[in-house]
Amino acid sequence: MLLSNPLKFLPAVWAAALALLMILPRISPAEVKEVTLFPNSAKVQETIKVNSASDSEKHPVIIILPSQADPESLIVSPPAGGRQKIDDVRIKSIERVDENKIAQLRAQLKKLQHDKQDMQSRQKALEVQLQFWQAQTKAKTKTVVDADNLSSAIGRNSRKIYAEKFNMENELETINKQIKDLQDTLNQAAGKSEKVWEATILLSGMAPNHAELSYSYTLDGCGWQPLYRLEASPSEKSILFSWHAEIWQSTGKDWKLVHLQLATLQPHQAILPPDLPQWIIKPRTEIVYKSMRRDKSAPAVMNEMVDTPSMVALAAPVETENTTYSLWSLGRKNVPAGHRQRVKIKEEVWPAQFLYLARPSQSPQAFVLAQLKLATPVEIPTGQAAFMIDGAMVGKRNFALAGSEAEIFFGTSPLVTVSSVTTAEKSGTTSYLQSRQTRQWQWRIEAKNAGKNPITLRIEEPIPQARDERIKLTFHHQPKPEEKDSARFVWTLDLPAMQNKLIETGVRLEAPKDMNLDFGWRH
C-alpha cells in the first residue's frame, strides 16, 4: 500500500523520536574543573550541564569516568539554587570509546602488530624453502655435471634464503621495539584497561536554567614527584634552592586549563572505623622454627631526573599549610595525557654557614657541610635532588626538610685533607705485684688546607667506651677538644689558606691482668 502524501506523517515521526530521546539517558559532556595531584593519585572535580525540568520529571544523566577511577570514591552534588535532588547513582563497566589521539595510537599499534604477523608468516615460508633445499643434498644424480649443478643450486638458493631471513630478523626486532614503545606510550596516555566506568545519575525535581551538576572522584595512573636542585656557594654563605614538580596523568583525555593543586601527602580514605580486636593475655607457646634463608641484598634504586619540557607558568604557586600536609596551588594549567611535564614550584636563596667535617680515623677526606637556619619553618617532601657547589655537579640523592634547621652535605673537597698517624701503641703491666695490664695509644692528626681561602674545620674522633667498671680510661690531648659527648671528641679549627695544623691525642687503658679484652675495631 502506497502513501498518498508521506510528508504529512513526518511531524508524527519527529514527535515520537523526540519523546524517545526524552526517555533515554543523556551522556553529558563533562568538563574537568579542578585537580588535586597526590604523589600517586589524584582527586578530580568535574561539572556537567543539567537541563531544567519540572518537579514531576525524573531523568537520568550519564557521566563517563576513566578506567583508573575508583568508582567507590564518586561523590555527586546536586545543582545549587534549585529543588533538584539525586535519587540514585548506578555504576557499571563499559567498553572504552577513545578520543582521536588515543584512537590514532591504537591504529598505529594494530598496523605494527599486523606487519609483525605478516613478517612471521614470511619467516615460516623461508624456513620451508630452506628445508626443501637442504633435503636436496640427499638426492641422487647420474653424472658429475648434474651433481655439480645441483650443488650450485643448493648453495645459491640457501645463501639467498639465509640473507633474506637475516634481514627479516633485523626488521622483526625493529618492529618489536616499535610495538613496545608504542604500547608504553599508549599505557601512559590511557592506561592499560580497555574498560571505563559509566555512572547513571537519576535526578528529580526542578532545576534552574543553566544548572551544573558537580562530582568528584579519585584516580590512579597519575601523580607528581618533586625534583630539587641545591647549589651551594660557600663564598656567599648561601644555597640556591630550586623546587620543580614533575606531573603526569593517563586518563586518555587532555586536561585543559584546570585549576591544578599539588598535595605533599597521599590521602587516606575510609568509610568505616576499624574493628577493635580482642586483647588476650595468656602463656606463650614456644615454637621452634626451622632456619630460614634471608636475602641480605638490598640494592638501592635511584630515580634519574627526567629531562622534559618546562611548562609556561601562568602564576606563582601558592602554598596552603594544612594540619598534616601542604597544598600548592599552581593556577590554571594544561596537562595532556601521557606526557610528563615539569612545573616550577619555587626558587629561593637560603642563608647558610659552611664548614668542613673530617673523621680522620675513617678517611682523610673533608666533607663540605652547610648548616642551615631559616627564618620560618618549611615542609619539603622527600624527592630526588641534584647537589652542586660553585656550579659543579656533586651528585644526586634524596632530599627532604621539615622545620627551619638542617645540616646538608655537598661532597668532599680535594683541597682539604685530615690524616691520622699512629705514633705510639704499647702495652705492659703496672701496680703492686704486676696485677694489672695497661695499653696506650697515641695519634698525630694533621689538617691541611691547600685552598686559597680560609676555612672552618670540624674534626671528630671516636671515644673508646668501657663496658666494665674495672676498665679505666684516661685521655690526653693537645690542644683539648672544644666538645665531648658519649661517643666522640670534637675540635673546631680556623685553618688559614695554604697552611696546616697538628693535633696530638691519645688514650691510656688500665684493666685487671687476667681480663681478656676485645679492643674493638681500632687496635
Protein backbone atom coordinates (compact mmCIF):
# COMPACT_ATOMS: atom_id res chain seq x y z
CA MET A 1 0.00 0.00 0.00
CA LEU A 2 1.49 3.36 -1.09
CA LEU A 3 1.13 6.54 0.97
CA SER A 4 -0.63 9.31 -0.95
CA ASN A 5 1.17 12.07 0.96
CA PRO A 6 4.08 10.74 3.11
CA LEU A 7 5.15 14.24 4.21
CA LYS A 8 2.11 14.66 6.42
CA PHE A 9 3.38 11.79 8.63
CA LEU A 10 6.77 13.46 9.33
CA PRO A 11 5.60 15.60 12.28
CA ALA A 12 4.32 12.48 13.99
CA VAL A 13 7.66 10.72 13.43
CA TRP A 14 9.56 13.68 14.82
CA ALA A 15 7.35 13.81 17.87
CA ALA A 16 7.88 10.11 18.52
CA ALA A 17 11.65 10.48 18.13
CA LEU A 18 11.68 13.47 20.48
CA ALA A 19 9.70 11.57 23.08
CA LEU A 20 12.16 8.67 22.79
CA LEU A 21 15.13 11.00 23.29
CA MET A 22 13.50 12.44 26.41
CA ILE A 23 13.15 8.95 27.87
CA LEU A 24 16.69 7.73 27.07
CA PRO A 25 19.58 8.68 29.40
CA ARG A 26 21.75 11.55 28.17
CA ILE A 27 25.55 11.30 28.12
CA SER A 28 26.53 14.83 29.06
CA PRO A 29 29.85 16.40 28.04
CA ALA A 30 31.80 16.85 31.26
CA GLU A 31 34.46 19.47 31.95
CA VAL A 32 37.36 18.96 34.33
CA LYS A 33 37.44 21.99 36.63
CA GLU A 34 39.93 21.17 39.38
CA VAL A 35 42.56 18.51 40.00
CA THR A 36 44.49 17.86 43.19
CA LEU A 37 47.51 15.70 42.44
CA PHE A 38 48.87 13.47 45.18
CA PRO A 39 52.20 11.58 44.83
CA ASN A 40 50.49 8.54 43.25
CA SER A 41 46.87 9.53 42.62
CA ALA A 42 44.57 12.49 42.13
CA LYS A 43 41.23 13.90 43.16
CA VAL A 44 39.36 15.16 40.10
CA GLN A 45 36.40 17.57 40.19
CA GLU A 46 34.21 17.83 37.10
CA THR A 47 30.96 19.57 36.14
CA ILE A 48 28.21 18.84 33.59
CA LYS A 49 25.29 20.87 32.31
CA VAL A 50 21.84 19.82 33.57
CA ASN A 51 18.68 20.76 31.67
CA SER A 52 15.80 22.32 33.60
CA ALA A 53 12.85 20.04 34.39
CA SER A 54 9.53 20.10 36.22
CA ASP A 55 9.05 18.80 39.74
CA SER A 56 7.34 15.65 38.48
CA GLU A 57 10.03 14.69 35.99
CA LYS A 58 12.76 12.18 36.71
CA HIS A 59 15.57 12.00 34.22
CA PRO A 60 18.91 10.19 34.18
CA VAL A 61 22.24 11.77 33.33
CA ILE A 62 25.19 9.65 32.27
CA ILE A 63 28.81 10.50 33.03
CA ILE A 64 31.91 8.56 31.99
CA LEU A 65 34.79 8.02 34.41
CA PRO A 66 38.28 6.86 33.30
CA SER A 67 39.27 3.24 33.79
CA GLN A 68 41.74 4.24 36.53
CA ALA A 69 38.98 5.94 38.57
CA ASP A 70 37.81 4.38 41.82
CA PRO A 71 34.01 4.08 41.41
CA GLU A 72 33.54 3.82 45.18
CA SER A 73 35.01 7.31 45.57
CA LEU A 74 32.43 9.04 43.34
CA ILE A 75 30.69 11.92 45.15
CA VAL A 76 27.89 13.78 43.31
CA SER A 77 26.48 17.14 44.42
CA PRO A 78 23.07 18.41 43.13
CA PRO A 79 22.88 21.77 41.31
CA ALA A 80 22.82 24.80 43.56
CA GLY A 81 19.88 27.18 43.63
CA GLY A 82 17.14 24.68 42.81
CA ARG A 83 14.97 21.92 44.20
CA GLN A 84 16.65 19.15 42.25
CA LYS A 85 17.89 16.12 44.16
CA ILE A 86 19.75 12.89 43.43
CA ASP A 87 17.58 9.78 43.71
CA ASP A 88 20.12 7.12 42.73
CA VAL A 89 23.60 6.55 41.26
CA ARG A 90 24.38 3.35 39.37
CA ILE A 91 27.84 2.46 38.03
CA LYS A 92 28.85 -0.20 35.53
CA SER A 93 31.88 -1.06 33.40
CA ILE A 94 31.64 -0.48 29.63
CA GLU A 95 33.95 -0.57 26.60
CA ARG A 96 36.22 2.43 26.16
CA VAL A 97 35.46 4.94 23.39
CA ASP A 98 38.79 6.59 22.65
CA GLU A 99 39.46 10.16 21.67
CA ASN A 100 41.12 10.84 18.31
CA LYS A 101 44.66 10.96 19.71
CA ILE A 102 44.29 7.65 21.54
CA ALA A 103 42.47 6.09 18.58
CA GLN A 104 45.38 7.04 16.30
CA LEU A 105 47.85 5.39 18.67
CA ARG A 106 45.74 2.23 18.73
CA ALA A 107 45.53 2.24 14.92
CA GLN A 108 49.33 2.53 14.66
CA LEU A 109 49.73 -0.30 17.15
CA LYS A 110 47.29 -2.50 15.27
CA LYS A 111 49.14 -1.89 11.97
CA LEU A 112 52.50 -2.78 13.55
CA GLN A 113 51.05 -5.96 15.02
CA HIS A 114 49.68 -6.88 11.56
CA ASP A 115 53.10 -6.21 10.00
CA LYS A 116 54.68 -8.44 12.65
CA GLN A 117 52.29 -11.31 11.87
CA ASP A 118 52.95 -10.90 8.15
CA MET A 119 56.71 -11.00 8.70
CA GLN A 120 56.43 -14.07 10.93
CA SER A 121 54.47 -15.82 8.16
CA ARG A 122 57.17 -14.93 5.64
CA GLN A 123 59.79 -16.29 8.03
CA LYS A 124 57.98 -19.64 8.19
CA ALA A 125 57.80 -19.73 4.36
CA LEU A 126 61.56 -19.17 4.15
CA GLU A 127 62.15 -21.98 6.65
CA VAL A 128 60.08 -24.33 4.44
CA GLN A 129 62.14 -23.31 1.38
CA LEU A 130 65.36 -23.84 3.29
CA GLN A 131 64.23 -27.30 4.39
CA PHE A 132 63.45 -28.12 0.75
CA TRP A 133 66.93 -27.23 -0.48
CA GLN A 134 68.58 -28.97 2.47
CA ALA A 135 66.67 -32.13 1.54
CA GLN A 136 68.13 -31.98 -2.00
CA THR A 137 71.55 -32.86 -0.61
CA LYS A 138 70.33 -36.45 -0.36
CA ALA A 139 69.13 -36.55 -3.99
CA LYS A 140 70.92 -38.98 -6.33
CA THR A 141 72.48 -37.69 -9.52
CA LYS A 142 73.59 -39.66 -12.57
CA THR A 143 76.62 -37.63 -13.62
CA VAL A 144 79.23 -35.42 -12.05
CA VAL A 145 77.89 -32.44 -14.02
CA ASP A 146 74.41 -33.00 -12.60
CA ALA A 147 75.84 -33.22 -9.09
CA ASP A 148 77.80 -30.02 -9.63
CA ASN A 149 74.73 -28.18 -10.95
CA LEU A 150 72.62 -29.40 -8.04
CA SER A 151 75.27 -28.38 -5.54
CA SER A 152 75.48 -24.91 -7.08
CA ALA A 153 71.70 -24.53 -6.99
CA ILE A 154 71.54 -25.63 -3.33
CA GLY A 155 74.31 -23.20 -2.31
CA ARG A 156 72.92 -20.31 -4.33
CA ASN A 157 69.36 -20.63 -3.03
CA SER A 158 70.47 -21.36 0.55
CA ARG A 159 72.57 -18.20 0.62
CA LYS A 160 69.67 -16.17 -0.73
CA ILE A 161 67.25 -17.60 1.85
CA TYR A 162 69.68 -17.08 4.73
CA ALA A 163 70.25 -13.45 3.66
CA GLU A 164 66.51 -12.80 3.47
CA LYS A 165 65.99 -14.48 6.84
CA PHE A 166 68.75 -12.41 8.48
CA ASN A 167 67.31 -9.14 7.12
CA MET A 168 63.84 -10.20 8.22
CA GLU A 169 65.04 -10.94 11.76
CA ASN A 170 66.51 -7.43 11.98
CA GLU A 171 63.27 -5.91 10.71
CA LEU A 172 61.28 -8.01 13.16
CA GLU A 173 63.46 -6.84 16.04
CA THR A 174 62.83 -3.22 14.98
CA ILE A 175 59.06 -3.82 14.81
CA ASN A 176 59.05 -5.44 18.25
CA LYS A 177 60.81 -2.38 19.70
CA GLN A 178 58.33 -0.06 17.96
CA ILE A 179 55.41 -2.10 19.32
CA LYS A 180 56.82 -1.94 22.86
CA ASP A 181 57.47 1.82 22.68
CA LEU A 182 54.02 2.49 21.23
CA GLN A 183 52.36 0.29 23.85
CA ASP A 184 54.23 2.14 26.62
CA THR A 185 53.11 5.48 25.15
CA LEU A 186 49.54 4.25 24.96
CA ASN A 187 49.63 2.98 28.55
CA GLN A 188 50.97 6.35 29.73
CA ALA A 189 48.25 8.21 27.86
CA ALA A 190 45.21 6.00 28.51
CA GLY A 191 46.16 3.23 30.96
CA LYS A 192 46.18 -0.49 30.31
CA SER A 193 42.46 -1.19 30.75
CA GLU A 194 40.07 -1.35 27.78
CA LYS A 195 37.12 -0.56 30.07
CA VAL A 196 35.76 2.67 31.54
CA TRP A 197 33.11 3.38 34.16
CA GLU A 198 29.62 4.57 33.20
CA ALA A 199 27.74 6.27 36.04
CA THR A 200 23.99 6.86 35.62
CA ILE A 201 22.71 9.61 37.94
CA LEU A 202 18.93 9.74 38.41
CA LEU A 203 17.72 13.29 39.11
CA SER A 204 14.29 14.56 40.15
CA GLY A 205 12.81 17.95 40.93
CA MET A 206 13.03 21.40 39.40
CA ALA A 207 16.43 22.61 38.21
CA PRO A 208 17.28 26.23 37.43
CA ASN A 209 18.33 27.29 33.95
CA HIS A 210 21.96 26.59 33.09
CA ALA A 211 22.34 24.41 36.16
CA GLU A 212 25.54 22.40 36.65
CA LEU A 213 25.96 19.06 38.38
CA SER A 214 29.36 18.70 40.09
CA TYR A 215 31.07 15.48 41.09
CA SER A 216 34.49 14.28 42.20
CA TYR A 217 36.40 11.01 42.27
CA THR A 218 39.87 9.66 42.99
CA LEU A 219 42.07 8.49 40.18
CA ASP A 220 45.12 6.24 39.81
CA GLY A 221 47.58 6.38 36.92
CA CYS A 222 48.61 9.96 37.65
CA GLY A 223 50.59 11.88 40.23
CA TRP A 224 53.65 14.02 40.77
CA GLN A 225 57.13 13.82 42.19
CA PRO A 226 59.39 16.60 43.48
CA LEU A 227 62.69 17.40 41.80
CA TYR A 228 65.17 19.62 43.64
CA ARG A 229 68.36 21.46 42.88
CA LEU A 230 70.63 22.74 45.67
CA GLU A 231 73.62 24.83 44.62
CA ALA A 232 76.00 25.79 47.41
CA SER A 233 78.05 29.00 47.29
CA PRO A 234 80.39 28.92 50.33
CA SER A 235 81.95 32.28 49.47
CA GLU A 236 78.50 33.91 49.54
CA LYS A 237 77.31 31.85 52.51
CA SER A 238 74.16 30.78 50.69
CA ILE A 239 72.34 27.89 49.00
CA LEU A 240 70.22 28.46 45.89
CA PHE A 241 67.25 26.09 46.32
CA SER A 242 65.05 25.25 43.30
CA TRP A 243 61.96 23.08 43.50
CA HIS A 244 60.18 21.68 40.44
CA ALA A 245 57.36 19.17 40.22
CA GLU A 246 57.14 16.50 37.53
CA ILE A 247 53.46 15.78 36.84
CA TRP A 248 51.65 13.18 34.72
CA GLN A 249 48.22 11.70 34.02
CA SER A 250 47.00 8.79 31.88
CA THR A 251 43.22 9.26 31.62
CA GLY A 252 43.32 9.29 27.81
CA LYS A 253 41.89 12.83 27.83
CA ASP A 254 43.79 16.10 27.99
CA TRP A 255 43.07 18.38 30.93
CA LYS A 256 42.71 21.91 29.59
CA LEU A 257 43.16 24.94 31.84
CA VAL A 258 42.27 23.04 35.01
CA HIS A 259 42.89 24.55 38.41
CA LEU A 260 45.83 22.37 39.49
CA GLN A 261 46.96 21.72 43.05
CA LEU A 262 49.75 19.55 44.45
CA ALA A 263 49.41 17.81 47.82
CA THR A 264 52.51 16.63 49.68
CA LEU A 265 50.85 13.55 51.22
CA GLN A 266 48.74 10.72 49.87
CA PRO A 267 45.06 10.95 51.02
CA HIS A 268 43.64 8.46 53.50
CA GLN A 269 40.11 7.35 52.77
CA ALA A 270 37.93 5.17 54.98
CA ILE A 271 34.17 4.96 55.47
CA LEU A 272 34.02 2.54 58.39
CA PRO A 273 36.18 2.62 61.53
CA PRO A 274 38.49 -0.36 62.14
CA ASP A 275 37.24 -3.17 64.37
CA LEU A 276 38.68 -3.43 67.87
CA PRO A 277 40.45 -6.78 68.24
CA GLN A 278 40.20 -8.77 71.45
CA TRP A 279 43.09 -8.16 73.86
CA ILE A 280 44.07 -11.56 75.21
CA ILE A 281 46.98 -12.21 77.56
CA LYS A 282 47.99 -15.84 78.01
CA PRO A 283 51.08 -18.04 78.44
CA ARG A 284 53.25 -18.08 75.37
CA THR A 285 53.52 -21.36 73.46
CA GLU A 286 57.09 -21.92 72.42
CA ILE A 287 57.53 -22.80 68.77
CA VAL A 288 60.75 -23.99 67.21
CA TYR A 289 61.21 -22.57 63.72
CA LYS A 290 63.40 -24.02 61.04
CA SER A 291 66.23 -21.84 59.84
CA MET A 292 65.25 -19.59 57.03
CA ARG A 293 67.45 -18.01 54.42
CA ARG A 294 67.22 -14.27 54.46
CA ASP A 295 68.08 -12.22 51.45
CA LYS A 296 70.62 -9.69 52.64
CA SER A 297 70.86 -7.94 49.33
CA ALA A 298 69.08 -4.63 49.27
CA PRO A 299 70.00 -2.78 46.11
CA ALA A 300 69.41 0.92 46.30
CA VAL A 301 67.33 2.37 43.48
CA MET A 302 67.89 5.94 42.39
CA ASN A 303 65.48 7.59 40.06
CA GLU A 304 67.11 9.58 37.36
CA MET A 305 65.88 13.07 36.78
CA VAL A 306 63.88 13.17 33.57
CA ASP A 307 64.64 15.97 31.15
CA THR A 308 61.24 17.18 29.96
CA PRO A 309 59.99 20.45 28.51
CA SER A 310 59.08 23.08 31.06
CA MET A 311 55.54 24.34 31.26
CA VAL A 312 54.87 28.05 30.99
CA ALA A 313 53.92 29.27 34.46
CA LEU A 314 50.80 31.42 34.46
CA ALA A 315 51.13 32.40 38.11
CA ALA A 316 53.47 31.75 41.02
CA PRO A 317 52.45 28.70 43.11
CA VAL A 318 50.77 29.46 46.41
CA GLU A 319 51.28 27.20 49.45
CA THR A 320 48.46 26.36 51.86
CA GLU A 321 49.54 24.67 55.08
CA ASN A 322 47.14 22.08 56.48
CA THR A 323 47.34 20.06 59.67
CA THR A 324 49.34 17.15 58.23
CA TYR A 325 50.38 18.27 54.74
CA SER A 326 50.88 21.26 52.44
CA LEU A 327 48.86 22.11 49.35
CA TRP A 328 50.42 24.03 46.47
CA SER A 329 48.09 25.88 44.08
CA LEU A 330 49.63 26.20 40.60
CA GLY A 331 46.79 28.13 38.97
CA ARG A 332 45.32 27.00 35.65
CA LYS A 333 47.39 24.52 33.67
CA ASN A 334 47.12 22.34 30.57
CA VAL A 335 48.00 18.73 31.41
CA PRO A 336 47.99 16.50 28.31
CA ALA A 337 47.58 12.77 28.75
CA GLY A 338 50.70 10.63 28.56
CA HIS A 339 53.36 13.37 28.74
CA ARG A 340 55.43 14.09 31.83
CA GLN A 341 55.87 17.78 32.40
CA ARG A 342 57.85 19.90 34.80
CA VAL A 343 56.40 22.91 36.61
CA LYS A 344 58.26 25.32 38.85
CA ILE A 345 57.16 25.41 42.49
CA LYS A 346 59.59 27.90 43.96
CA GLU A 347 63.17 29.15 43.98
CA GLU A 348 64.79 30.93 46.89
CA VAL A 349 68.15 31.65 48.49
CA TRP A 350 68.84 30.07 51.87
CA PRO A 351 71.46 31.63 54.18
CA ALA A 352 73.95 29.03 55.45
CA GLN A 353 77.18 28.74 57.40
CA PHE A 354 79.77 26.46 55.76
CA LEU A 355 82.44 24.37 57.39
CA TYR A 356 84.39 21.20 56.61
CA LEU A 357 83.82 17.96 58.52
CA ALA A 358 86.56 15.33 58.83
CA ARG A 359 86.71 11.98 60.61
CA PRO A 360 90.36 11.01 60.14
CA SER A 361 90.04 7.64 61.87
CA GLN A 362 87.86 6.62 58.92
CA SER A 363 89.06 8.70 55.97
CA PRO A 364 91.41 11.63 55.20
CA GLN A 365 88.65 13.33 53.18
CA ALA A 366 86.93 16.50 54.38
CA PHE A 367 83.23 16.94 53.61
CA VAL A 368 81.63 20.31 52.87
CA LEU A 369 78.84 20.88 55.40
CA ALA A 370 76.23 23.63 55.20
CA GLN A 371 74.48 24.49 58.45
CA LEU A 372 71.07 25.85 57.59
CA LYS A 373 68.91 28.04 59.79
CA LEU A 374 65.81 29.52 58.16
CA ALA A 375 63.67 32.36 59.45
CA THR A 376 60.46 30.31 59.08
CA PRO A 377 59.90 26.53 59.03
CA VAL A 378 59.37 24.78 55.70
CA GLU A 379 57.94 21.43 54.63
CA ILE A 380 59.74 19.84 51.71
CA PRO A 381 58.73 16.24 50.93
CA THR A 382 61.23 13.54 50.01
CA GLY A 383 62.38 13.73 46.42
CA GLN A 384 65.34 13.38 44.10
CA ALA A 385 67.81 16.26 44.35
CA ALA A 386 70.82 17.37 42.36
CA PHE A 387 73.58 18.79 44.57
CA MET A 388 76.02 21.36 43.20
CA ILE A 389 78.77 23.53 44.64
CA ASP A 390 80.09 26.61 42.85
CA GLY A 391 78.45 25.44 39.61
CA ALA A 392 79.95 21.91 39.67
CA MET A 393 77.75 18.84 39.99
CA VAL A 394 78.42 16.83 43.14
CA GLY A 395 75.84 14.07 42.78
CA LYS A 396 72.20 13.10 43.23
CA ARG A 397 70.40 11.72 46.24
CA ASN A 398 67.11 12.02 48.10
CA PHE A 399 66.41 15.21 50.00
CA ALA A 400 63.73 16.28 52.48
CA LEU A 401 63.38 19.04 55.05
CA ALA A 402 60.79 19.65 57.75
CA GLY A 403 61.48 22.59 60.05
CA SER A 404 63.87 25.52 59.97
CA GLU A 405 67.26 23.91 60.73
CA ALA A 406 69.28 21.29 58.87
CA GLU A 407 72.79 20.11 58.04
CA ILE A 408 73.35 19.46 54.32
CA PHE A 409 76.48 17.83 52.88
CA PHE A 410 77.90 18.78 49.47
CA GLY A 411 80.52 16.10 48.94
CA THR A 412 84.27 16.28 49.58
CA SER A 413 86.88 18.94 48.92
CA PRO A 414 90.11 17.86 47.20
CA LEU A 415 91.89 20.87 48.73
CA VAL A 416 91.32 19.89 52.37
CA THR A 417 92.74 16.69 53.92
CA VAL A 418 92.96 15.45 57.50
CA SER A 419 95.24 12.45 58.14
CA SER A 420 95.73 10.38 61.28
CA VAL A 421 99.02 8.58 62.04
CA THR A 422 99.66 6.24 64.98
CA THR A 423 102.74 7.49 66.81
CA ALA A 424 102.72 5.01 69.72
CA GLU A 425 101.00 1.76 70.63
CA LYS A 426 102.34 -0.24 73.57
CA SER A 427 101.15 -2.49 76.36
CA GLY A 428 102.53 -3.62 79.73
CA THR A 429 101.80 -4.26 83.42
CA THR A 430 101.74 -1.99 86.43
CA SER A 431 100.73 -1.70 90.05
CA TYR A 432 101.53 -3.87 93.09
CA LEU A 433 102.81 -7.34 92.15
CA GLN A 434 102.16 -6.61 88.49
CA SER A 435 98.44 -7.35 88.93
CA ARG A 436 97.12 -5.02 86.22
CA GLN A 437 97.58 -4.73 82.47
CA THR A 438 97.99 -1.47 80.58
CA ARG A 439 97.77 -0.36 76.99
CA GLN A 440 98.48 3.02 75.45
CA TRP A 441 97.73 4.58 72.03
CA GLN A 442 98.88 7.91 70.60
CA TRP A 443 97.94 9.57 67.28
CA ARG A 444 99.00 12.67 65.40
CA ILE A 445 96.24 14.32 63.36
CA GLU A 446 97.40 16.69 60.62
CA ALA A 447 94.93 19.03 58.88
CA LYS A 448 95.97 20.69 55.60
CA ASN A 449 94.23 23.45 53.66
CA ALA A 450 95.66 23.66 50.13
CA GLY A 451 93.00 26.12 49.00
CA LYS A 452 93.17 29.87 48.55
CA ASN A 453 90.50 30.68 51.14
CA PRO A 454 90.47 30.21 54.92
CA ILE A 455 88.06 27.60 56.23
CA THR A 456 86.46 26.39 59.43
CA LEU A 457 87.28 22.72 60.02
CA ARG A 458 85.44 20.36 62.35
CA ILE A 459 87.33 17.19 63.32
CA GLU A 460 85.58 14.29 65.03
CA GLU A 461 87.33 11.35 66.68
CA PRO A 462 85.66 8.38 68.42
CA ILE A 463 85.81 7.94 72.20
CA PRO A 464 86.53 4.37 73.39
CA GLN A 465 83.76 3.22 75.70
CA ALA A 466 84.42 0.76 78.52
CA ARG A 467 81.76 -1.85 79.17
CA ASP A 468 83.19 -2.90 82.53
CA GLU A 469 83.74 -0.72 85.58
CA ARG A 470 87.12 -2.39 86.20
CA ILE A 471 88.43 -0.87 82.93
CA LYS A 472 89.91 2.60 83.49
CA LEU A 473 90.49 5.01 80.60
CA THR A 474 92.43 8.29 80.69
CA PHE A 475 92.85 10.73 77.79
CA HIS A 476 95.34 13.41 76.86
CA HIS A 477 95.04 15.94 74.01
CA GLN A 478 96.99 18.86 72.68
CA PRO A 479 95.05 21.07 72.08
CA LYS A 480 91.99 19.98 74.05
CA PRO A 481 88.72 19.34 72.17
CA GLU A 482 86.01 22.02 72.30
CA GLU A 483 83.22 19.46 72.57
CA LYS A 484 82.78 15.99 74.01
CA ASP A 485 79.83 13.63 74.26
CA SER A 486 79.47 9.93 74.98
CA ALA A 487 80.77 8.89 71.58
CA ARG A 488 83.19 11.50 70.19
CA PHE A 489 85.69 14.28 70.71
CA VAL A 490 85.22 17.40 68.55
CA TRP A 491 87.82 20.03 67.56
CA THR A 492 86.80 23.14 65.63
CA LEU A 493 89.74 24.86 63.92
CA ASP A 494 90.14 28.03 61.89
CA LEU A 495 92.51 26.89 59.16
CA PRO A 496 94.06 29.68 57.03
CA ALA A 497 94.74 29.21 53.34
CA MET A 498 97.80 27.17 52.37
CA GLN A 499 98.51 26.15 55.98
CA ASN A 500 98.26 23.11 58.23
CA LYS A 501 97.66 22.37 61.92
CA LEU A 502 98.50 19.43 64.22
CA ILE A 503 96.55 17.71 66.99
CA GLU A 504 98.14 15.22 69.40
CA THR A 505 95.70 12.83 71.02
CA GLY A 506 95.95 9.56 72.96
CA VAL A 507 94.30 7.19 75.40
CA ARG A 508 95.64 5.02 78.23
CA LEU A 509 93.81 1.84 79.30
CA GLU A 510 94.22 0.03 82.63
CA ALA A 511 92.41 -3.25 83.50
CA PRO A 512 92.88 -6.44 85.57
CA LYS A 513 95.73 -8.55 84.28
CA ASP A 514 93.61 -11.68 83.79
CA MET A 515 90.83 -9.86 81.88
CA ASN A 516 90.65 -10.97 78.24
CA LEU A 517 90.00 -7.70 76.39
CA ASP A 518 88.48 -7.03 72.98
CA PHE A 519 89.99 -3.74 71.82
CA GLY A 520 87.35 -3.25 69.08
CA TRP A 521 87.98 -2.05 65.54
CA ARG A 522 90.74 0.38 66.47
CA HIS A 523 93.61 -1.57 67.94
